[in-house]
PDB file of N, CA and C in Angstrom:
ATOM      1  N   MET A   1     201.429 179.415 -52.001  1.00  0.00           N
ATOM      2  CA  MET A   1     201.186 178.296 -51.092  1.00  0.00           C
ATOM      3  C   MET A   1     201.142 178.841 -49.653  1.00  0.00           C
ATOM      4  N   PRO A   2     199.975 178.743 -48.985  1.00  0.00           N
ATOM      5  CA  PRO A   2     199.818 179.320 -47.651  1.00  0.00           C
ATOM      6  C   PRO A   2     200.804 178.772 -46.611  1.00  0.00           C
ATOM      7  N   LYS A   3     201.097 177.475 -46.662  1.00  0.00           N
ATOM      8  CA  LYS A   3     202.012 176.893 -45.670  1.00  0.00           C
ATOM      9  C   LYS A   3     203.378 177.551 -45.758  1.00  0.00           C
ATOM     10  N   LEU A   4     203.796 177.833 -46.975  1.00  0.00           N
ATOM     11  CA  LEU A   4     205.099 178.471 -47.173  1.00  0.00           C
ATOM     12  C   LEU A   4     205.128 179.821 -46.482  1.00  0.00           C
ATOM     13  N   ASN A   5     204.055 180.601 -46.609  1.00  0.00           N
ATOM     14  CA  ASN A   5     203.998 181.903 -45.938  1.00  0.00           C
ATOM     15  C   ASN A   5     204.023 181.747 -44.421  1.00  0.00           C
ATOM     16  N   ALA A   6     203.311 180.769 -43.908  1.00  0.00           N
ATOM     17  CA  ALA A   6     203.293 180.525 -42.464  1.00  0.00           C
ATOM     18  C   ALA A   6     204.685 180.147 -41.971  1.00  0.00           C
ATOM     19  N   PHE A   7     205.386 179.334 -42.731  1.00  0.00           N
ATOM     20  CA  PHE A   7     206.716 178.905 -42.323  1.00  0.00           C
ATOM     21  C   PHE A   7     207.719 180.043 -42.440  1.00  0.00           C
ATOM     22  N   LYS A   8     207.570 180.911 -43.434  1.00  0.00           N
ATOM     23  CA  LYS A   8     208.421 182.102 -43.529  1.00  0.00           C
ATOM     24  C   LYS A   8     208.192 183.003 -42.324  1.00  0.00           C
ATOM     25  N   PHE A   9     206.923 183.125 -41.929  1.00  0.00           N
ATOM     26  CA  PHE A   9     206.575 183.935 -40.757  1.00  0.00           C
ATOM     27  C   PHE A   9     207.222 183.350 -39.504  1.00  0.00           C
ATOM     28  N   LEU A  10     207.152 182.024 -39.341  1.00  0.00           N
ATOM     29  CA  LEU A  10     207.793 181.375 -38.193  1.00  0.00           C
ATOM     30  C   LEU A  10     209.303 181.655 -38.172  1.00  0.00           C
ATOM     31  N   ASN A  11     209.917 181.605 -39.322  1.00  0.00           N
ATOM     32  CA  ASN A  11     211.357 181.861 -39.392  1.00  0.00           C
ATOM     33  C   ASN A  11     211.677 183.307 -39.016  1.00  0.00           C
ATOM     34  N   LYS A  12     210.833 184.251 -39.436  1.00  0.00           N
ATOM     35  CA  LYS A  12     211.027 185.661 -39.047  1.00  0.00           C
ATOM     36  C   LYS A  12     210.903 185.808 -37.537  1.00  0.00           C
ATOM     37  N   LEU A  13     209.915 185.157 -36.940  1.00  0.00           N
ATOM     38  CA  LEU A  13     209.746 185.192 -35.489  1.00  0.00           C
ATOM     39  C   LEU A  13     210.971 184.631 -34.793  1.00  0.00           C
ATOM     40  N   LYS A  14     211.479 183.537 -35.319  1.00  0.00           N
ATOM     41  CA  LYS A  14     212.667 182.901 -34.731  1.00  0.00           C
ATOM     42  C   LYS A  14     213.869 183.864 -34.793  1.00  0.00           C
ATOM     43  N   GLU A  15     214.017 184.573 -35.922  1.00  0.00           N
ATOM     44  CA  GLU A  15     215.103 185.556 -36.071  1.00  0.00           C
ATOM     45  C   GLU A  15     215.001 186.660 -35.012  1.00  0.00           C
ATOM     46  N   CYS A  16     213.754 186.954 -34.593  1.00  0.00           N
ATOM     47  CA  CYS A  16     213.528 188.005 -33.591  1.00  0.00           C
ATOM     48  C   CYS A  16     213.569 187.454 -32.165  1.00  0.00           C
ATOM     49  N   GLY A  17     213.892 186.178 -32.028  1.00  0.00           N
ATOM     50  CA  GLY A  17     214.027 185.604 -30.702  1.00  0.00           C
ATOM     51  C   GLY A  17     212.790 184.937 -30.148  1.00  0.00           C
ATOM     52  N   TYR A  18     211.738 184.831 -30.955  1.00  0.00           N
ATOM     53  CA  TYR A  18     210.496 184.187 -30.505  1.00  0.00           C
ATOM     54  C   TYR A  18     210.498 182.736 -31.000  1.00  0.00           C
ATOM     55  N   ASN A  19     210.951 181.839 -30.145  1.00  0.00           N
ATOM     56  CA  ASN A  19     211.088 180.441 -30.526  1.00  0.00           C
ATOM     57  C   ASN A  19     209.903 179.570 -30.123  1.00  0.00           C
ATOM     58  N   ASP A  20     209.042 180.084 -29.249  1.00  0.00           N
ATOM     59  CA  ASP A  20     207.965 179.253 -28.703  1.00  0.00           C
ATOM     60  C   ASP A  20     206.585 179.636 -29.219  1.00  0.00           C
ATOM     61  N   ILE A  21     206.509 180.349 -30.317  1.00  0.00           N
ATOM     62  CA  ILE A  21     205.218 180.740 -30.862  1.00  0.00           C
ATOM     63  C   ILE A  21     204.796 179.713 -31.925  1.00  0.00           C
ATOM     64  N   CYS A  22     203.545 179.320 -31.870  1.00  0.00           N
ATOM     65  CA  CYS A  22     203.001 178.375 -32.836  1.00  0.00           C
ATOM     66  C   CYS A  22     202.187 179.113 -33.892  1.00  0.00           C
ATOM     67  N   VAL A  23     202.225 178.574 -35.090  1.00  0.00           N
ATOM     68  CA  VAL A  23     201.436 179.106 -36.198  1.00  0.00           C
ATOM     69  C   VAL A  23     200.532 177.982 -36.687  1.00  0.00           C
ATOM     70  N   SER A  24     199.263 178.326 -36.883  1.00  0.00           N
ATOM     71  CA  SER A  24     198.306 177.353 -37.400  1.00  0.00           C
ATOM     72  C   SER A  24     198.207 177.478 -38.915  1.00  0.00           C
ATOM     73  N   ILE A  25     198.122 176.333 -39.566  1.00  0.00           N
ATOM     74  CA  ILE A  25     197.875 176.328 -41.001  1.00  0.00           C
ATOM     75  C   ILE A  25     196.537 175.647 -41.233  1.00  0.00           C
ATOM     76  N   ASN A  26     195.729 176.233 -42.097  1.00  0.00           N
ATOM     77  CA  ASN A  26     194.436 175.665 -42.439  1.00  0.00           C
ATOM     78  C   ASN A  26     194.594 174.626 -43.528  1.00  0.00           C
ATOM     79  N   VAL A  27     194.007 173.476 -43.283  1.00  0.00           N
ATOM     80  CA  VAL A  27     194.084 172.366 -44.239  1.00  0.00           C
ATOM     81  C   VAL A  27     192.666 171.854 -44.447  1.00  0.00           C
ATOM     82  N   SER A  28     192.311 171.710 -45.715  1.00  0.00           N
ATOM     83  CA  SER A  28     190.990 171.154 -46.020  1.00  0.00           C
ATOM     84  C   SER A  28     191.042 169.631 -45.913  1.00  0.00           C
ATOM     85  N   VAL A  29     189.887 169.043 -45.784  1.00  0.00           N
ATOM     86  CA  VAL A  29     189.807 167.584 -45.732  1.00  0.00           C
ATOM     87  C   VAL A  29     190.339 166.999 -47.020  1.00  0.00           C
ATOM     88  N   VAL A  30     190.064 167.657 -48.146  1.00  0.00           N
ATOM     89  CA  VAL A  30     190.575 167.174 -49.446  1.00  0.00           C
ATOM     90  C   VAL A  30     192.096 167.143 -49.419  1.00  0.00           C
ATOM     91  N   GLN A  31     192.718 168.199 -48.920  1.00  0.00           N
ATOM     92  CA  GLN A  31     194.179 168.224 -48.820  1.00  0.00           C
ATOM     93  C   GLN A  31     194.679 167.150 -47.875  1.00  0.00           C
ATOM     94  N   LEU A  32     194.013 167.005 -46.742  1.00  0.00           N
ATOM     95  CA  LEU A  32     194.437 166.048 -45.727  1.00  0.00           C
ATOM     96  C   LEU A  32     194.357 164.620 -46.241  1.00  0.00           C
ATOM     97  N   LEU A  33     193.367 164.317 -47.053  1.00  0.00           N
ATOM     98  CA  LEU A  33     193.194 162.968 -47.566  1.00  0.00           C
ATOM     99  C   LEU A  33     194.078 162.650 -48.758  1.00  0.00           C
ATOM    100  N   ASN A  34     194.764 163.654 -49.290  1.00  0.00           N
ATOM    101  CA  ASN A  34     195.696 163.416 -50.380  1.00  0.00           C
ATOM    102  C   ASN A  34     196.829 162.557 -49.845  1.00  0.00           C
ATOM    103  N   PRO A  35     197.105 161.434 -50.492  1.00  0.00           N
ATOM    104  CA  PRO A  35     198.157 160.530 -49.981  1.00  0.00           C
ATOM    105  C   PRO A  35     199.532 161.196 -49.864  1.00  0.00           C
ATOM    106  N   ASP A  36     199.791 162.226 -50.643  1.00  0.00           N
ATOM    107  CA  ASP A  36     201.084 162.904 -50.615  1.00  0.00           C
ATOM    108  C   ASP A  36     201.181 163.971 -49.530  1.00  0.00           C
ATOM    109  N   PHE A  37     200.051 164.322 -48.891  1.00  0.00           N
ATOM    110  CA  PHE A  37     200.038 165.445 -47.971  1.00  0.00           C
ATOM    111  C   PHE A  37     201.034 165.310 -46.816  1.00  0.00           C
ATOM    112  N   PRO A  38     201.045 164.209 -46.066  1.00  0.00           N
ATOM    113  CA  PRO A  38     201.968 164.153 -44.918  1.00  0.00           C
ATOM    114  C   PRO A  38     203.437 164.294 -45.340  1.00  0.00           C
ATOM    115  N   GLY A  39     203.811 163.595 -46.381  1.00  0.00           N
ATOM    116  CA  GLY A  39     205.196 163.661 -46.836  1.00  0.00           C
ATOM    117  C   GLY A  39     205.574 165.035 -47.342  1.00  0.00           C
ATOM    118  N   ARG A  40     204.670 165.667 -48.085  1.00  0.00           N
ATOM    119  CA  ARG A  40     204.948 167.007 -48.610  1.00  0.00           C
ATOM    120  C   ARG A  40     205.031 168.035 -47.479  1.00  0.00           C
ATOM    121  N   LEU A  41     204.155 167.900 -46.484  1.00  0.00           N
ATOM    122  CA  LEU A  41     204.189 168.818 -45.353  1.00  0.00           C
ATOM    123  C   LEU A  41     205.500 168.663 -44.575  1.00  0.00           C
ATOM    124  N   LEU A  42     205.879 167.432 -44.300  1.00  0.00           N
ATOM    125  CA  LEU A  42     207.123 167.197 -43.557  1.00  0.00           C
ATOM    126  C   LEU A  42     208.342 167.630 -44.366  1.00  0.00           C
ATOM    127  N   GLU A  43     208.305 167.445 -45.669  1.00  0.00           N
ATOM    128  CA  GLU A  43     209.412 167.883 -46.519  1.00  0.00           C
ATOM    129  C   GLU A  43     209.530 169.419 -46.473  1.00  0.00           C
ATOM    130  N   LEU A  44     208.387 170.105 -46.528  1.00  0.00           N
ATOM    131  CA  LEU A  44     208.399 171.555 -46.449  1.00  0.00           C
ATOM    132  C   LEU A  44     208.896 172.032 -45.087  1.00  0.00           C
ATOM    133  N   ILE A  45     208.471 171.362 -44.016  1.00  0.00           N
ATOM    134  CA  ILE A  45     208.940 171.691 -42.669  1.00  0.00           C
ATOM    135  C   ILE A  45     210.466 171.552 -42.597  1.00  0.00           C
ATOM    136  N   ASN A  46     210.977 170.465 -43.150  1.00  0.00           N
ATOM    137  CA  ASN A  46     212.429 170.250 -43.145  1.00  0.00           C
ATOM    138  C   ASN A  46     213.160 171.261 -44.014  1.00  0.00           C
ATOM    139  N   ASN A  47     212.655 171.508 -45.222  1.00  0.00           N
ATOM    140  CA  ASN A  47     213.303 172.443 -46.140  1.00  0.00           C
ATOM    141  C   ASN A  47     213.339 173.855 -45.594  1.00  0.00           C
ATOM    142  N   MET A  48     212.270 174.244 -44.920  1.00  0.00           N
ATOM    143  CA  MET A  48     212.177 175.603 -44.365  1.00  0.00           C
ATOM    144  C   MET A  48     212.834 175.692 -42.981  1.00  0.00           C
ATOM    145  N   GLN A  49     213.332 174.559 -42.471  1.00  0.00           N
ATOM    146  CA  GLN A  49     213.975 174.491 -41.164  1.00  0.00           C
ATOM    147  C   GLN A  49     213.085 175.039 -40.065  1.00  0.00           C
ATOM    148  N   VAL A  50     211.824 174.567 -40.105  1.00  0.00           N
ATOM    149  CA  VAL A  50     210.826 174.971 -39.115  1.00  0.00           C
ATOM    150  C   VAL A  50     210.689 173.863 -38.079  1.00  0.00           C
ATOM    151  N   ASN A  51     210.576 174.253 -36.826  1.00  0.00           N
ATOM    152  CA  ASN A  51     210.358 173.277 -35.759  1.00  0.00           C
ATOM    153  C   ASN A  51     208.911 172.772 -35.855  1.00  0.00           C
ATOM    154  N   PRO A  52     208.692 171.480 -36.070  1.00  0.00           N
ATOM    155  CA  PRO A  52     207.314 170.979 -36.180  1.00  0.00           C
ATOM    156  C   PRO A  52     206.492 171.215 -34.916  1.00  0.00           C
ATOM    157  N   ASP A  53     207.155 171.433 -33.788  1.00  0.00           N
ATOM    158  CA  ASP A  53     206.425 171.753 -32.562  1.00  0.00           C
ATOM    159  C   ASP A  53     205.711 173.101 -32.648  1.00  0.00           C
ATOM    160  N   ASN A  54     206.140 173.936 -33.595  1.00  0.00           N
ATOM    161  CA  ASN A  54     205.563 175.260 -33.745  1.00  0.00           C
ATOM    162  C   ASN A  54     204.487 175.321 -34.837  1.00  0.00           C
ATOM    163  N   VAL A  55     204.090 174.163 -35.343  1.00  0.00           N
ATOM    164  CA  VAL A  55     203.098 174.095 -36.415  1.00  0.00           C
ATOM    165  C   VAL A  55     201.870 173.360 -35.932  1.00  0.00           C
ATOM    166  N   CYS A  56     200.729 173.994 -36.072  1.00  0.00           N
ATOM    167  CA  CYS A  56     199.450 173.386 -35.721  1.00  0.00           C
ATOM    168  C   CYS A  56     198.611 173.284 -36.988  1.00  0.00           C
ATOM    169  N   ILE A  57     197.999 172.135 -37.196  1.00  0.00           N
ATOM    170  CA  ILE A  57     197.126 171.949 -38.355  1.00  0.00           C
ATOM    171  C   ILE A  57     195.689 172.142 -37.915  1.00  0.00           C
ATOM    172  N   GLU A  58     194.973 173.014 -38.624  1.00  0.00           N
ATOM    173  CA  GLU A  58     193.551 173.226 -38.387  1.00  0.00           C
ATOM    174  C   GLU A  58     192.785 172.724 -39.612  1.00  0.00           C
ATOM    175  N   ILE A  59     191.843 171.832 -39.352  1.00  0.00           N
ATOM    176  CA  ILE A  59     191.026 171.286 -40.430  1.00  0.00           C
ATOM    177  C   ILE A  59     189.872 172.250 -40.657  1.00  0.00           C
ATOM    178  N   THR A  60     189.719 172.704 -41.898  1.00  0.00           N
ATOM    179  CA  THR A  60     188.805 173.796 -42.193  1.00  0.00           C
ATOM    180  C   THR A  60     187.334 173.391 -42.301  1.00  0.00           C
ATOM    181  N   GLU A  61     187.046 172.175 -42.662  1.00  0.00           N
ATOM    182  CA  GLU A  61     185.652 171.767 -42.825  1.00  0.00           C
ATOM    183  C   GLU A  61     185.094 171.218 -41.530  1.00  0.00           C
ATOM    184  N   SER A  62     183.807 171.458 -41.315  1.00  0.00           N
ATOM    185  CA  SER A  62     183.166 170.909 -40.138  1.00  0.00           C
ATOM    186  C   SER A  62     182.820 169.434 -40.336  1.00  0.00           C
ATOM    187  N   VAL A  63     182.612 169.032 -41.580  1.00  0.00           N
ATOM    188  CA  VAL A  63     182.396 167.620 -41.882  1.00  0.00           C
ATOM    189  C   VAL A  63     183.795 167.030 -42.008  1.00  0.00           C
ATOM    190  N   PHE A  64     184.196 166.255 -41.028  1.00  0.00           N
ATOM    191  CA  PHE A  64     185.590 165.828 -40.892  1.00  0.00           C
ATOM    192  C   PHE A  64     186.043 164.970 -42.071  1.00  0.00           C
ATOM    193  N   ALA A  65     185.550 163.780 -42.179  1.00  0.00           N
ATOM    194  CA  ALA A  65     185.887 162.897 -43.298  1.00  0.00           C
ATOM    195  C   ALA A  65     185.125 161.602 -43.133  1.00  0.00           C
ATOM    196  N   SER A  66     184.868 160.958 -44.241  1.00  0.00           N
ATOM    197  CA  SER A  66     184.140 159.695 -44.163  1.00  0.00           C
ATOM    198  C   SER A  66     185.054 158.569 -43.672  1.00  0.00           C
ATOM    199  N   ASP A  67     186.331 158.678 -43.945  1.00  0.00           N
ATOM    200  CA  ASP A  67     187.282 157.640 -43.538  1.00  0.00           C
ATOM    201  C   ASP A  67     188.106 158.161 -42.359  1.00  0.00           C
ATOM    202  N   MET A  68     187.576 157.999 -41.163  1.00  0.00           N
ATOM    203  CA  MET A  68     188.222 158.549 -39.971  1.00  0.00           C
ATOM    204  C   MET A  68     189.590 157.909 -39.703  1.00  0.00           C
ATOM    205  N   GLU A  69     189.750 156.640 -40.027  1.00  0.00           N
ATOM    206  CA  GLU A  69     191.024 155.958 -39.785  1.00  0.00           C
ATOM    207  C   GLU A  69     192.135 156.576 -40.653  1.00  0.00           C
ATOM    208  N   THR A  70     191.846 156.849 -41.905  1.00  0.00           N
ATOM    209  CA  THR A  70     192.831 157.477 -42.781  1.00  0.00           C
ATOM    210  C   THR A  70     193.181 158.866 -42.270  1.00  0.00           C
ATOM    211  N   THR A  71     192.175 159.642 -41.880  1.00  0.00           N
ATOM    212  CA  THR A  71     192.385 160.994 -41.354  1.00  0.00           C
ATOM    213  C   THR A  71     193.249 160.930 -40.099  1.00  0.00           C
ATOM    214  N   ARG A  72     192.945 160.015 -39.208  1.00  0.00           N
ATOM    215  CA  ARG A  72     193.709 159.875 -37.950  1.00  0.00           C
ATOM    216  C   ARG A  72     195.163 159.531 -38.254  1.00  0.00           C
ATOM    217  N   CYS A  73     195.394 158.629 -39.186  1.00  0.00           N
ATOM    218  CA  CYS A  73     196.759 158.218 -39.519  1.00  0.00           C
ATOM    219  C   CYS A  73     197.573 159.382 -40.073  1.00  0.00           C
ATOM    220  N   LYS A  74     196.963 160.202 -40.914  1.00  0.00           N
ATOM    221  CA  LYS A  74     197.688 161.339 -41.506  1.00  0.00           C
ATOM    222  C   LYS A  74     198.040 162.364 -40.437  1.00  0.00           C
ATOM    223  N   ILE A  75     197.116 162.599 -39.514  1.00  0.00           N
ATOM    224  CA  ILE A  75     197.400 163.542 -38.429  1.00  0.00           C
ATOM    225  C   ILE A  75     198.480 162.968 -37.517  1.00  0.00           C
ATOM    226  N   THR A  76     198.408 161.678 -37.238  1.00  0.00           N
ATOM    227  CA  THR A  76     199.380 161.025 -36.365  1.00  0.00           C
ATOM    228  C   THR A  76     200.774 161.083 -36.966  1.00  0.00           C
ATOM    229  N   ARG A  77     200.895 160.977 -38.274  1.00  0.00           N
ATOM    230  CA  ARG A  77     202.216 161.011 -38.907  1.00  0.00           C
ATOM    231  C   ARG A  77     202.922 162.336 -38.629  1.00  0.00           C
ATOM    232  N   LYS A  78     202.199 163.451 -38.682  1.00  0.00           N
ATOM    233  CA  LYS A  78     202.788 164.748 -38.345  1.00  0.00           C
ATOM    234  C   LYS A  78     203.041 164.801 -36.854  1.00  0.00           C
ATOM    235  N   LYS A  79     202.097 164.288 -36.079  1.00  0.00           N
ATOM    236  CA  LYS A  79     202.176 164.354 -34.627  1.00  0.00           C
ATOM    237  C   LYS A  79     203.408 163.620 -34.099  1.00  0.00           C
ATOM    238  N   GLU A  80     203.771 162.510 -34.748  1.00  0.00           N
ATOM    239  CA  GLU A  80     204.940 161.745 -34.313  1.00  0.00           C
ATOM    240  C   GLU A  80     206.220 162.559 -34.427  1.00  0.00           C
ATOM    241  N   LYS A  81     206.226 163.570 -35.294  1.00  0.00           N
ATOM    242  CA  LYS A  81     207.402 164.418 -35.471  1.00  0.00           C
ATOM    243  C   LYS A  81     207.397 165.594 -34.492  1.00  0.00           C
ATOM    244  N   CYS A  82     206.321 165.695 -33.723  1.00  0.00           N
ATOM    245  CA  CYS A  82     206.110 166.900 -32.911  1.00  0.00           C
ATOM    246  C   CYS A  82     205.855 166.545 -31.463  1.00  0.00           C
ATOM    247  N   LYS A  83     206.820 166.817 -30.596  1.00  0.00           N
ATOM    248  CA  LYS A  83     206.645 166.454 -29.182  1.00  0.00           C
ATOM    249  C   LYS A  83     205.597 167.300 -28.490  1.00  0.00           C
ATOM    250  N   ALA A  84     205.397 168.538 -28.924  1.00  0.00           N
ATOM    251  CA  ALA A  84     204.408 169.419 -28.280  1.00  0.00           C
ATOM    252  C   ALA A  84     202.974 168.930 -28.497  1.00  0.00           C
ATOM    253  N   CYS A  85     202.775 168.154 -29.560  1.00  0.00           N
ATOM    254  CA  CYS A  85     201.426 167.667 -29.856  1.00  0.00           C
ATOM    255  C   CYS A  85     200.942 166.647 -28.825  1.00  0.00           C
ATOM    256  N   GLU A  86     201.839 166.168 -28.010  1.00  0.00           N
ATOM    257  CA  GLU A  86     201.471 165.149 -27.015  1.00  0.00           C
ATOM    258  C   GLU A  86     200.730 165.757 -25.834  1.00  0.00           C
ATOM    259  N   GLU A  87     200.702 167.069 -25.739  1.00  0.00           N
ATOM    260  CA  GLU A  87     200.074 167.737 -24.597  1.00  0.00           C
ATOM    261  C   GLU A  87     198.569 167.594 -24.655  1.00  0.00           C
TER     262      GLU A  87
END
């Protein structure tokens, strides 16, 4: 699972004193539109004790999604947990 590797990397950086580095995870539109995606991502963030401010989601497809409202809501759910996303 790629997210797990990214979160392990963030934890290694934190151990070395780098607390302000962000890591991007690639997410496909199919993954993003999965109803379980936001909850599973937040659960993994909590379980791995990763600061959500240090996680950036990159959508891999150029064709965003047919249901923009659903896509926006899923992104917003992660964003609400992340103060840095407000910038």
